[in-house]
Structures are given as structure tokens and as C-alpha cells.
Amino acid sequence: ITNNTFLKTDGSGNLSFAAAGGTNTPTFHAYVSSAISVANATFQTVLFQTEYFDTDSAYDPSTGKFTVPSGEAGKYLFTFNLRRASWDSPRFITTFAKNGSDISYFEDAVASGSDRGSAGGSMIMDLSVGDYITIKCYHTNGSAQNISGVSNQSSNFFTGMKLIT
């Protein structure tokens, strides 16, 4: 057996594992820290205002955009969740948008009554430098409603990381 990418030998038959190498960066985690108003029957970009971490400053809380930095094209894993705050809506839809165009839909629907339903999901995407990802929200409650802010990063969040391939 000779040395390879994953195994090393000392020549006496003793094997050891080589380091896998690589890091999953850029990576970020942002969350809704103060209530945001979502208009009725309009897809609206969600601003996750607070960053828990952002290794490459690739997420902009003022625009809600994660933008692939120079030299970082590749496959990315994104996840998000949005939880509405005690308002019912026949339709509550969230979506990933790439460069402004919706590319997926996740829906939580209720018939009536106060509900704290969530809509969110995850996707792996192949991205080029300069591509950007946002999360959009849509509801049919009849009037503008709030997504509640929280003091932690666990209820209304948007995360992403480059995958080692």
C-alpha cells in the first residue's frame, strides 16, 4: 500500500488517516431579530437583520442577499425557516430566489384560526461568482402582517455554506 489522499503508511504496515482538508466557507447564519412587516399578496424579500456569523461578509442584512464572493463559485447548501406570529392566512408561502427569480416554493396553509405555522426548506445550488440568493415570503391574510423578531437565531433564520466537493 502506498500513500494516497486518505491513507498514509509509515512503511511498516501502520496506517493512519490523512486530513480530509478543505473548509465549508463561505458560511453564514442570519436571523430576524426585530419584527418585519410582510405585505399582503406580494412576494417580498425577507431581511434577516442580524448575523450570528458570516465568515466572508457575503450576506448583507440591509438587502437580504447572500452573494457568492470572488473565487468561491461552487455548490452551496442553504436552509431557512420563517414562522408567522399568531395570524392566520389561507396561504403562507416562502421561496428561495436566485438573482431575483423564484426557484422553489414551500407552503404552510391553514383554513382558519390563529396559527404559528412555519414555512421553510433547504436546497443545494450550483452558483457562480456574483450570483445572489434571497428568501421571499408571501401570504393572503388580507392586510400586512409581521414576522416576529426573536432574541436568538433559532426561529426565523437563513443559513448557507459552500460544500466541499
Protein backbone atom coordinates (compact mmCIF):
# COMPACT_ATOMS: atom_id res chain seq x y z
CA ILE A 1 0.00 0.00 0.00
CA THR A 2 1.29 3.45 -0.87
CA ASN A 3 0.33 6.84 0.44
CA ASN A 4 -2.85 8.26 -1.08
CA THR A 5 -5.26 11.08 -0.40
CA PHE A 6 -6.95 9.38 2.56
CA LEU A 7 -4.49 6.86 3.99
CA LYS A 8 -0.81 7.12 4.87
CA THR A 9 1.64 4.40 5.81
CA ASP A 10 4.91 4.63 7.69
CA GLY A 11 6.37 1.75 5.62
CA SER A 12 5.99 -0.79 8.46
CA GLY A 13 2.34 -1.60 7.76
CA ASN A 14 0.97 1.03 10.13
CA LEU A 15 -1.80 3.05 8.53
CA SER A 16 -3.10 6.46 9.51
CA PHE A 17 -5.77 8.69 8.06
CA ALA A 18 -4.79 11.83 6.24
CA ALA A 19 -6.66 15.04 6.95
CA ALA A 20 -9.66 15.43 4.68
CA GLY A 21 -8.78 19.06 4.05
CA GLY A 22 -10.92 21.95 2.98
CA THR A 23 -13.39 24.15 4.77
CA ASN A 24 -17.05 24.84 4.18
CA THR A 25 -16.58 28.57 3.62
CA PRO A 26 -18.03 30.96 2.91
CA THR A 27 -20.68 30.22 5.50
CA PHE A 28 -23.21 32.39 7.30
CA HIS A 29 -26.20 32.35 9.65
CA ALA A 30 -28.57 35.31 9.87
CA TYR A 31 -31.88 35.71 11.67
CA VAL A 32 -34.86 38.02 12.12
CA SER A 33 -34.15 39.92 15.33
CA SER A 34 -36.94 42.52 15.17
CA ALA A 35 -40.39 42.28 13.63
CA ILE A 36 -40.68 42.77 9.88
CA SER A 37 -43.89 43.66 8.08
CA VAL A 38 -44.92 41.47 5.15
CA ALA A 39 -47.39 42.96 2.66
CA ASN A 40 -50.49 41.01 1.64
CA ALA A 41 -50.42 39.04 -1.66
CA THR A 42 -46.92 40.21 -2.65
CA PHE A 43 -43.69 38.21 -2.75
CA GLN A 44 -41.34 40.22 -0.56
CA THR A 45 -37.65 39.71 0.19
CA VAL A 46 -37.11 38.97 3.87
CA LEU A 47 -34.39 40.91 5.65
CA PHE A 48 -32.71 38.69 8.24
CA GLN A 49 -31.30 41.67 10.14
CA THR A 50 -28.79 40.08 12.49
CA GLU A 51 -25.81 37.91 11.60
CA TYR A 52 -24.86 35.20 14.05
CA PHE A 53 -21.74 34.63 11.93
CA ASP A 54 -20.57 35.37 8.38
CA THR A 55 -17.08 34.11 7.51
CA ASP A 56 -16.66 36.11 4.29
CA SER A 57 -19.07 39.04 4.76
CA ALA A 58 -21.10 37.55 1.90
CA TYR A 59 -24.54 38.12 3.48
CA ASP A 60 -25.88 41.69 3.54
CA PRO A 61 -28.56 42.22 6.23
CA SER A 62 -29.66 45.51 4.61
CA THR A 63 -30.68 43.75 1.35
CA GLY A 64 -31.28 40.16 2.49
CA LYS A 65 -28.81 38.92 -0.14
CA PHE A 66 -26.12 36.27 0.11
CA THR A 67 -23.72 36.97 -2.78
CA VAL A 68 -21.06 34.47 -3.91
CA PRO A 69 -17.66 36.15 -3.37
CA SER A 70 -14.84 36.24 -5.90
CA GLY A 71 -13.11 32.86 -6.23
CA GLU A 72 -15.91 31.00 -4.41
CA ALA A 73 -18.08 29.53 -7.19
CA GLY A 74 -19.36 26.02 -6.48
CA LYS A 75 -22.12 24.04 -4.81
CA TYR A 76 -23.85 25.61 -1.80
CA LEU A 77 -26.30 24.30 0.78
CA PHE A 78 -28.90 26.80 2.02
CA THR A 79 -31.58 26.40 4.70
CA PHE A 80 -34.19 28.76 6.09
CA ASN A 81 -37.30 28.90 8.23
CA LEU A 82 -39.94 31.58 8.71
CA ARG A 83 -42.55 31.33 11.44
CA ARG A 84 -45.52 33.60 11.40
CA ALA A 85 -46.68 35.22 14.63
CA SER A 86 -50.27 34.33 15.62
CA TRP A 87 -52.03 35.30 12.42
CA ASP A 88 -53.99 33.02 10.23
CA SER A 89 -53.61 33.01 6.49
CA PRO A 90 -55.14 30.73 3.92
CA ARG A 91 -51.71 30.71 2.26
CA PHE A 92 -48.23 31.31 3.68
CA ILE A 93 -45.53 30.73 1.06
CA THR A 94 -41.77 31.10 1.22
CA THR A 95 -39.27 30.73 -1.59
CA PHE A 96 -35.61 30.68 -2.48
CA ALA A 97 -34.83 33.26 -5.16
CA LYS A 98 -31.66 33.19 -7.28
CA ASN A 99 -30.66 36.51 -8.85
CA GLY A 100 -34.19 37.78 -8.19
CA SER A 101 -36.09 34.83 -9.73
CA ASP A 102 -38.06 32.42 -7.53
CA ILE A 103 -36.73 28.87 -7.88
CA SER A 104 -38.63 26.92 -5.20
CA TYR A 105 -41.78 27.18 -3.12
CA PHE A 106 -42.58 25.97 0.38
CA GLU A 107 -46.10 26.40 1.75
CA ASP A 108 -47.92 26.20 5.08
CA ALA A 109 -51.71 26.56 4.71
CA VAL A 110 -54.42 26.81 7.37
CA ALA A 111 -58.17 27.13 7.00
CA SER A 112 -58.81 29.48 9.91
CA GLY A 113 -57.80 30.29 13.44
CA SER A 114 -54.68 31.77 14.95
CA ASP A 115 -51.68 29.77 13.91
CA ARG A 116 -47.92 29.98 14.31
CA GLY A 117 -47.16 27.90 11.25
CA SER A 118 -43.75 27.80 9.61
CA ALA A 119 -42.63 27.50 6.04
CA GLY A 120 -39.04 26.81 5.16
CA GLY A 121 -36.75 24.43 3.38
CA SER A 122 -33.29 23.60 2.11
CA MET A 123 -31.62 23.36 -1.28
CA ILE A 124 -28.27 22.62 -2.84
CA MET A 125 -27.43 25.01 -5.67
CA ASP A 126 -24.58 25.36 -8.15
CA LEU A 127 -23.60 29.04 -8.05
CA SER A 128 -21.22 31.30 -9.94
CA VAL A 129 -19.32 34.32 -8.60
CA GLY A 130 -21.77 37.21 -8.20
CA ASP A 131 -24.91 35.05 -8.03
CA TYR A 132 -27.11 36.01 -5.09
CA ILE A 133 -29.72 34.18 -3.06
CA THR A 134 -32.62 35.71 -1.13
CA ILE A 135 -35.63 34.38 0.75
CA LYS A 136 -39.08 35.71 -0.14
CA CYS A 137 -42.36 35.48 1.75
CA TYR A 138 -45.99 35.71 0.57
CA HIS A 139 -49.30 35.48 2.41
CA THR A 140 -53.01 36.01 1.79
CA ASN A 141 -54.12 37.29 5.17
CA GLY A 142 -55.80 40.42 3.71
CA SER A 143 -53.53 43.01 5.31
CA ALA A 144 -49.85 43.42 6.15
CA GLN A 145 -48.64 41.09 8.90
CA ASN A 146 -45.46 40.76 10.93
CA ILE A 147 -42.86 38.07 11.12
CA SER A 148 -41.81 38.32 14.77
CA GLY A 149 -38.28 39.06 15.73
CA VAL A 150 -36.59 36.83 18.27
CA SER A 151 -33.67 37.24 20.61
CA ASN A 152 -31.96 34.11 19.29
CA GLN A 153 -31.17 32.57 15.94
CA SER A 154 -33.46 29.51 16.03
CA SER A 155 -36.94 30.52 14.77
CA ASN A 156 -36.60 32.76 11.70
CA PHE A 157 -33.25 32.10 10.07
CA PHE A 158 -31.32 31.90 6.80
CA THR A 159 -28.09 29.89 6.60
CA GLY A 160 -25.73 28.84 3.87
CA MET A 161 -22.34 27.27 3.24
CA LYS A 162 -20.15 26.24 0.36
CA LEU A 163 -19.83 22.47 0.09
CA ILE A 164 -16.50 20.70 -0.25
CA THR A 165 -16.75 18.66 -3.44
